[in-house]
């Protein structure tokens, strides 16, 4: 993890307490735990759901003009499966994801957070989520102080000097309330 996502051990992981985030059906933010499986397990899941959907349609005697509605909701379920599953080789990550579903944002409350990112594929759109209460959404107590459980400094940042510098940085950013949540990784790490 640190090698792949944490700046070769120089990054930090922010752990959020998901119990403090009220997930609601109408929210454009979907918060869920990632499910892990082998390629064949995930393909079998898909095949079973497609077969079940076909059986339900056959038994329901649904009129043709309503098939598009059933198909839409089935496709939405398959989309969530694709977003919230991952190969079992990543099981140790125990990952949660927050996914923005633009079609659920009918009031366009997140439009002001859209920006860009220049990456290996060039310029791409990026949602820069501000952790704050957002008018018009049910996430009323969305503040860093409320939802951050801890900040884990990567193995290369675990020296007393680096830790003290991070604490000073939090002071200078006006985030002294997070200082007691900073912990150092104890994972043995060897940079490649």
C-alpha atoms as a PDB file:
ATOM      1  CA  UNK A   1       0.000   0.000   0.000  1.00  0.00           C
ATOM      2  CA  UNK A   2       2.632   2.552   0.981  1.00  0.00           C
ATOM      3  CA  UNK A   3       4.667   1.735  -2.084  1.00  0.00           C
ATOM      4  CA  UNK A   4       1.710   1.937  -4.452  1.00  0.00           C
ATOM      5  CA  UNK A   5      -0.317   4.784  -2.994  1.00  0.00           C
ATOM      6  CA  UNK A   6       1.736   6.556  -0.368  1.00  0.00           C
ATOM      7  CA  UNK A   7       4.580   8.233  -2.222  1.00  0.00           C
ATOM      8  CA  UNK A   8       6.948   5.272  -1.740  1.00  0.00           C
ATOM      9  CA  UNK A   9       6.497   5.457   2.032  1.00  0.00           C
ATOM     10  CA  UNK A  10       6.488   9.265   2.193  1.00  0.00           C
ATOM     11  CA  UNK A  11       2.716   9.682   2.264  1.00  0.00           C
ATOM     12  CA  UNK A  12       0.039   9.607   4.906  1.00  0.00           C
ATOM     13  CA  UNK A  13      -3.225   7.687   5.201  1.00  0.00           C
ATOM     14  CA  UNK A  14      -6.293   9.457   6.553  1.00  0.00           C
ATOM     15  CA  UNK A  15      -8.653   7.028   8.287  1.00  0.00           C
ATOM     16  CA  UNK A  16     -12.281   8.174   8.351  1.00  0.00           C
ATOM     17  CA  UNK A  17     -14.833   6.949  10.884  1.00  0.00           C
ATOM     18  CA  UNK A  18     -17.598   5.915   8.484  1.00  0.00           C
ATOM     19  CA  UNK A  19     -20.016   5.370  11.401  1.00  0.00           C
ATOM     20  CA  UNK A  20     -20.134   9.157  11.738  1.00  0.00           C
ATOM     21  CA  UNK A  21     -21.264   9.653   8.143  1.00  0.00           C
ATOM     22  CA  UNK A  22     -25.004   9.328   7.608  1.00  0.00           C
ATOM     23  CA  UNK A  23     -25.407   7.558   4.278  1.00  0.00           C
ATOM     24  CA  UNK A  24     -28.799   8.253   2.743  1.00  0.00           C
ATOM     25  CA  UNK A  25     -30.438   6.871  -0.371  1.00  0.00           C
ATOM     26  CA  UNK A  26     -30.927  10.314  -1.923  1.00  0.00           C
ATOM     27  CA  UNK A  27     -27.322  11.390  -1.505  1.00  0.00           C
ATOM     28  CA  UNK A  28     -25.094  11.685  -4.584  1.00  0.00           C
ATOM     29  CA  UNK A  29     -22.290  10.228  -2.430  1.00  0.00           C
ATOM     30  CA  UNK A  30     -22.371   6.452  -2.120  1.00  0.00           C
ATOM     31  CA  UNK A  31     -20.241   5.155   0.728  1.00  0.00           C
ATOM     32  CA  UNK A  32     -19.604   1.427   0.815  1.00  0.00           C
ATOM     33  CA  UNK A  33     -17.109  -1.247   1.708  1.00  0.00           C
ATOM     34  CA  UNK A  34     -15.303  -2.873  -1.213  1.00  0.00           C
ATOM     35  CA  UNK A  35     -15.997  -6.582  -1.721  1.00  0.00           C
ATOM     36  CA  UNK A  36     -13.167  -8.803  -2.891  1.00  0.00           C
ATOM     37  CA  UNK A  37     -13.173 -11.900  -5.060  1.00  0.00           C
ATOM     38  CA  UNK A  38     -11.279 -13.757  -7.735  1.00  0.00           C
ATOM     39  CA  UNK A  39     -11.999 -12.995 -11.375  1.00  0.00           C
ATOM     40  CA  UNK A  40     -14.103 -16.166 -11.755  1.00  0.00           C
ATOM     41  CA  UNK A  41     -16.032 -15.425  -8.516  1.00  0.00           C
ATOM     42  CA  UNK A  42     -16.955 -11.964  -9.752  1.00  0.00           C
ATOM     43  CA  UNK A  43     -17.899 -13.287 -13.198  1.00  0.00           C
ATOM     44  CA  UNK A  44     -20.076 -15.976 -11.558  1.00  0.00           C
ATOM     45  CA  UNK A  45     -21.814 -13.312  -9.459  1.00  0.00           C
ATOM     46  CA  UNK A  46     -22.627 -11.393 -12.625  1.00  0.00           C
ATOM     47  CA  UNK A  47     -23.866 -14.485 -14.449  1.00  0.00           C
ATOM     48  CA  UNK A  48     -26.109 -15.459 -11.506  1.00  0.00           C
ATOM     49  CA  UNK A  49     -27.615 -11.968 -11.285  1.00  0.00           C
ATOM     50  CA  UNK A  50     -28.271 -11.828 -15.023  1.00  0.00           C
ATOM     51  CA  UNK A  51     -29.974 -15.242 -14.885  1.00  0.00           C
ATOM     52  CA  UNK A  52     -32.030 -14.197 -11.826  1.00  0.00           C
ATOM     53  CA  UNK A  53     -33.061 -10.970 -13.532  1.00  0.00           C
ATOM     54  CA  UNK A  54     -34.165 -12.913 -16.599  1.00  0.00           C
ATOM     55  CA  UNK A  55     -36.221 -15.296 -14.419  1.00  0.00           C
ATOM     56  CA  UNK A  56     -37.863 -12.423 -12.566  1.00  0.00           C
ATOM     57  CA  UNK A  57     -38.786 -10.733 -15.857  1.00  0.00           C
ATOM     58  CA  UNK A  58     -40.164 -13.969 -17.288  1.00  0.00           C
ATOM     59  CA  UNK A  59     -42.369 -14.589 -14.221  1.00  0.00           C
ATOM     60  CA  UNK A  60     -43.506 -10.991 -13.783  1.00  0.00           C
ATOM     61  CA  UNK A  61     -45.394 -10.634 -17.065  1.00  0.00           C
ATOM     62  CA  UNK A  62     -44.158  -7.059 -17.143  1.00  0.00           C
ATOM     63  CA  UNK A  63     -45.558  -5.018 -20.040  1.00  0.00           C
ATOM     64  CA  UNK A  64     -43.019  -4.155 -22.726  1.00  0.00           C
ATOM     65  CA  UNK A  65     -43.338  -0.434 -22.060  1.00  0.00           C
ATOM     66  CA  UNK A  66     -42.094  -0.994 -18.463  1.00  0.00           C
ATOM     67  CA  UNK A  67     -39.049  -3.128 -19.361  1.00  0.00           C
ATOM     68  CA  UNK A  68     -36.860  -0.055 -19.689  1.00  0.00           C
ATOM     69  CA  UNK A  69     -37.528   0.849 -16.031  1.00  0.00           C
ATOM     70  CA  UNK A  70     -36.561  -2.616 -14.784  1.00  0.00           C
ATOM     71  CA  UNK A  71     -33.517  -2.641 -17.053  1.00  0.00           C
ATOM     72  CA  UNK A  72     -32.422   0.765 -15.775  1.00  0.00           C
ATOM     73  CA  UNK A  73     -32.459  -0.362 -12.125  1.00  0.00           C
ATOM     74  CA  UNK A  74     -30.736  -3.627 -12.961  1.00  0.00           C
ATOM     75  CA  UNK A  75     -28.011  -1.736 -14.826  1.00  0.00           C
ATOM     76  CA  UNK A  76     -27.595   0.604 -11.808  1.00  0.00           C
ATOM     77  CA  UNK A  77     -27.049  -2.456  -9.602  1.00  0.00           C
ATOM     78  CA  UNK A  78     -24.440  -3.844 -11.998  1.00  0.00           C
ATOM     79  CA  UNK A  79     -22.720  -0.451 -12.046  1.00  0.00           C
ATOM     80  CA  UNK A  80     -22.446  -0.456  -8.235  1.00  0.00           C
ATOM     81  CA  UNK A  81     -21.063  -3.990  -8.370  1.00  0.00           C
ATOM     82  CA  UNK A  82     -18.365  -2.852 -10.803  1.00  0.00           C
ATOM     83  CA  UNK A  83     -17.448   0.172  -8.669  1.00  0.00           C
ATOM     84  CA  UNK A  84     -17.396  -1.616  -5.298  1.00  0.00           C
ATOM     85  CA  UNK A  85     -15.609  -4.887  -6.120  1.00  0.00           C
ATOM     86  CA  UNK A  86     -11.943  -5.623  -6.477  1.00  0.00           C
ATOM     87  CA  UNK A  87      -9.651  -8.606  -6.979  1.00  0.00           C
ATOM     88  CA  UNK A  88      -9.080 -10.614  -3.798  1.00  0.00           C
ATOM     89  CA  UNK A  89      -5.342  -9.945  -4.027  1.00  0.00           C
ATOM     90  CA  UNK A  90      -6.145  -6.545  -2.489  1.00  0.00           C
ATOM     91  CA  UNK A  91      -8.144  -7.970   0.454  1.00  0.00           C
ATOM     92  CA  UNK A  92      -5.717  -6.662   3.086  1.00  0.00           C
ATOM     93  CA  UNK A  93      -6.611  -3.088   2.086  1.00  0.00           C
ATOM     94  CA  UNK A  94     -10.064  -3.484   3.675  1.00  0.00           C
ATOM     95  CA  UNK A  95     -11.023  -0.536   1.478  1.00  0.00           C
ATOM     96  CA  UNK A  96     -14.047   1.721   1.700  1.00  0.00           C
ATOM     97  CA  UNK A  97     -14.934   4.016  -1.176  1.00  0.00           C
ATOM     98  CA  UNK A  98     -16.845   7.255  -1.465  1.00  0.00           C
ATOM     99  CA  UNK A  99     -18.225   7.496  -4.983  1.00  0.00           C
ATOM    100  CA  UNK A 100     -19.917  10.538  -6.468  1.00  0.00           C
ATOM    101  CA  UNK A 101     -22.904   9.588  -8.646  1.00  0.00           C
ATOM    102  CA  UNK A 102     -23.502  12.606 -10.872  1.00  0.00           C
ATOM    103  CA  UNK A 103     -26.961  11.458 -11.970  1.00  0.00           C
ATOM    104  CA  UNK A 104     -28.136  11.629  -8.318  1.00  0.00           C
ATOM    105  CA  UNK A 105     -26.922  15.232  -7.973  1.00  0.00           C
ATOM    106  CA  UNK A 106     -30.050  16.770  -9.479  1.00  0.00           C
ATOM    107  CA  UNK A 107     -29.515  20.060  -7.594  1.00  0.00           C
ATOM    108  CA  UNK A 108     -25.901  20.266  -8.893  1.00  0.00           C
ATOM    109  CA  UNK A 109     -24.552  20.988  -5.410  1.00  0.00           C
ATOM    110  CA  UNK A 110     -21.178  19.453  -6.276  1.00  0.00           C
ATOM    111  CA  UNK A 111     -20.636  21.399  -9.501  1.00  0.00           C
ATOM    112  CA  UNK A 112     -18.503  23.988  -7.686  1.00  0.00           C
ATOM    113  CA  UNK A 113     -16.120  21.200  -6.629  1.00  0.00           C
ATOM    114  CA  UNK A 114     -15.361  20.027 -10.153  1.00  0.00           C
ATOM    115  CA  UNK A 115     -11.900  20.847 -11.313  1.00  0.00           C
ATOM    116  CA  UNK A 116      -9.137  19.072 -13.206  1.00  0.00           C
ATOM    117  CA  UNK A 117      -6.059  16.967 -12.642  1.00  0.00           C
ATOM    118  CA  UNK A 118      -3.046  16.574 -14.923  1.00  0.00           C
ATOM    119  CA  UNK A 119      -2.046  12.929 -14.803  1.00  0.00           C
ATOM    120  CA  UNK A 120      -0.302  10.324 -16.911  1.00  0.00           C
ATOM    121  CA  UNK A 121      -3.174  10.381 -19.433  1.00  0.00           C
ATOM    122  CA  UNK A 122      -3.223  14.166 -19.683  1.00  0.00           C
ATOM    123  CA  UNK A 123      -5.849  16.553 -18.327  1.00  0.00           C
ATOM    124  CA  UNK A 124      -8.801  14.794 -16.698  1.00  0.00           C
ATOM    125  CA  UNK A 125     -11.840  16.012 -14.750  1.00  0.00           C
ATOM    126  CA  UNK A 126     -11.616  15.615 -10.989  1.00  0.00           C
ATOM    127  CA  UNK A 127     -14.059  16.117  -8.142  1.00  0.00           C
ATOM    128  CA  UNK A 128     -12.205  17.867  -5.329  1.00  0.00           C
ATOM    129  CA  UNK A 129     -14.522  17.035  -2.455  1.00  0.00           C
ATOM    130  CA  UNK A 130     -14.581  19.673   0.243  1.00  0.00           C
ATOM    131  CA  UNK A 131     -15.132  18.059   3.631  1.00  0.00           C
ATOM    132  CA  UNK A 132     -17.808  20.414   4.924  1.00  0.00           C
ATOM    133  CA  UNK A 133     -21.547  20.657   5.414  1.00  0.00           C
ATOM    134  CA  UNK A 134     -23.065  21.043   1.955  1.00  0.00           C
ATOM    135  CA  UNK A 135     -26.381  22.917   1.683  1.00  0.00           C
ATOM    136  CA  UNK A 136     -29.153  20.765   0.273  1.00  0.00           C
ATOM    137  CA  UNK A 137     -27.563  17.455   1.263  1.00  0.00           C
ATOM    138  CA  UNK A 138     -28.299  15.205   4.225  1.00  0.00           C
ATOM    139  CA  UNK A 139     -24.622  15.083   5.265  1.00  0.00           C
ATOM    140  CA  UNK A 140     -25.091  17.871   7.828  1.00  0.00           C
ATOM    141  CA  UNK A 141     -22.108  17.281  10.130  1.00  0.00           C
ATOM    142  CA  UNK A 142     -19.431  16.690   7.532  1.00  0.00           C
ATOM    143  CA  UNK A 143     -16.302  18.223   9.057  1.00  0.00           C
ATOM    144  CA  UNK A 144     -12.766  16.877   9.291  1.00  0.00           C
ATOM    145  CA  UNK A 145     -12.817  17.205  13.076  1.00  0.00           C
ATOM    146  CA  UNK A 146     -15.918  15.020  13.198  1.00  0.00           C
ATOM    147  CA  UNK A 147     -15.006  12.239  10.770  1.00  0.00           C
ATOM    148  CA  UNK A 148     -11.197  11.840  10.874  1.00  0.00           C
ATOM    149  CA  UNK A 149     -10.328   8.912  13.132  1.00  0.00           C
ATOM    150  CA  UNK A 150      -6.560   9.093  12.668  1.00  0.00           C
ATOM    151  CA  UNK A 151      -3.803  10.137  10.300  1.00  0.00           C
ATOM    152  CA  UNK A 152      -1.186   7.445   9.779  1.00  0.00           C
ATOM    153  CA  UNK A 153       2.214   8.708   8.707  1.00  0.00           C
ATOM    154  CA  UNK A 154       3.917   6.454   6.200  1.00  0.00           C
ATOM    155  CA  UNK A 155       6.974   4.430   7.181  1.00  0.00           C
ATOM    156  CA  UNK A 156       9.365   7.032   5.741  1.00  0.00           C
ATOM    157  CA  UNK A 157       7.622   9.828   7.686  1.00  0.00           C
ATOM    158  CA  UNK A 158       7.718   8.040  11.021  1.00  0.00           C
ATOM    159  CA  UNK A 159      10.893   9.654  12.366  1.00  0.00           C
ATOM    160  CA  UNK A 160      10.416  12.034  15.321  1.00  0.00           C
ATOM    161  CA  UNK A 161      11.644  14.912  13.139  1.00  0.00           C
ATOM    162  CA  UNK A 162       9.104  14.198  10.382  1.00  0.00           C
ATOM    163  CA  UNK A 163       6.267  13.688  12.903  1.00  0.00           C
ATOM    164  CA  UNK A 164       7.021  16.993  14.655  1.00  0.00           C
ATOM    165  CA  UNK A 165       7.083  18.756  11.288  1.00  0.00           C
ATOM    166  CA  UNK A 166       3.652  17.304  10.402  1.00  0.00           C
ATOM    167  CA  UNK A 167       2.287  18.481  13.762  1.00  0.00           C
ATOM    168  CA  UNK A 168       3.675  21.977  13.096  1.00  0.00           C
ATOM    169  CA  UNK A 169       2.102  21.886   9.628  1.00  0.00           C
ATOM    170  CA  UNK A 170      -1.309  21.119  11.186  1.00  0.00           C
ATOM    171  CA  UNK A 171      -0.844  24.100  13.514  1.00  0.00           C
ATOM    172  CA  UNK A 172      -0.020  26.393  10.595  1.00  0.00           C
ATOM    173  CA  UNK A 173      -3.083  25.149   8.656  1.00  0.00           C
ATOM    174  CA  UNK A 174      -5.324  25.898  11.626  1.00  0.00           C
ATOM    175  CA  UNK A 175      -5.986  22.169  12.160  1.00  0.00           C
ATOM    176  CA  UNK A 176      -4.490  21.719  15.639  1.00  0.00           C
ATOM    177  CA  UNK A 177      -7.656  19.745  16.482  1.00  0.00           C
ATOM    178  CA  UNK A 178      -6.236  16.853  14.413  1.00  0.00           C
ATOM    179  CA  UNK A 179      -2.793  16.698  16.050  1.00  0.00           C
ATOM    180  CA  UNK A 180      -3.746  14.117  18.681  1.00  0.00           C
ATOM    181  CA  UNK A 181      -4.882  11.782  15.889  1.00  0.00           C
ATOM    182  CA  UNK A 182      -1.495  11.624  14.151  1.00  0.00           C
ATOM    183  CA  UNK A 183       0.178   8.228  14.530  1.00  0.00           C
ATOM    184  CA  UNK A 184       3.277   6.783  12.943  1.00  0.00           C
ATOM    185  CA  UNK A 185       3.202   3.613  10.878  1.00  0.00           C
ATOM    186  CA  UNK A 186       5.015   0.679  12.434  1.00  0.00           C
ATOM    187  CA  UNK A 187       5.047  -1.316   9.208  1.00  0.00           C
ATOM    188  CA  UNK A 188       8.534  -2.415   8.198  1.00  0.00           C
ATOM    189  CA  UNK A 189       9.186  -0.830   4.831  1.00  0.00           C
ATOM    190  CA  UNK A 190      11.878  -1.221   2.237  1.00  0.00           C
ATOM    191  CA  UNK A 191      11.753   1.154  -0.724  1.00  0.00           C
ATOM    192  CA  UNK A 192      12.185  -0.459  -4.121  1.00  0.00           C
END
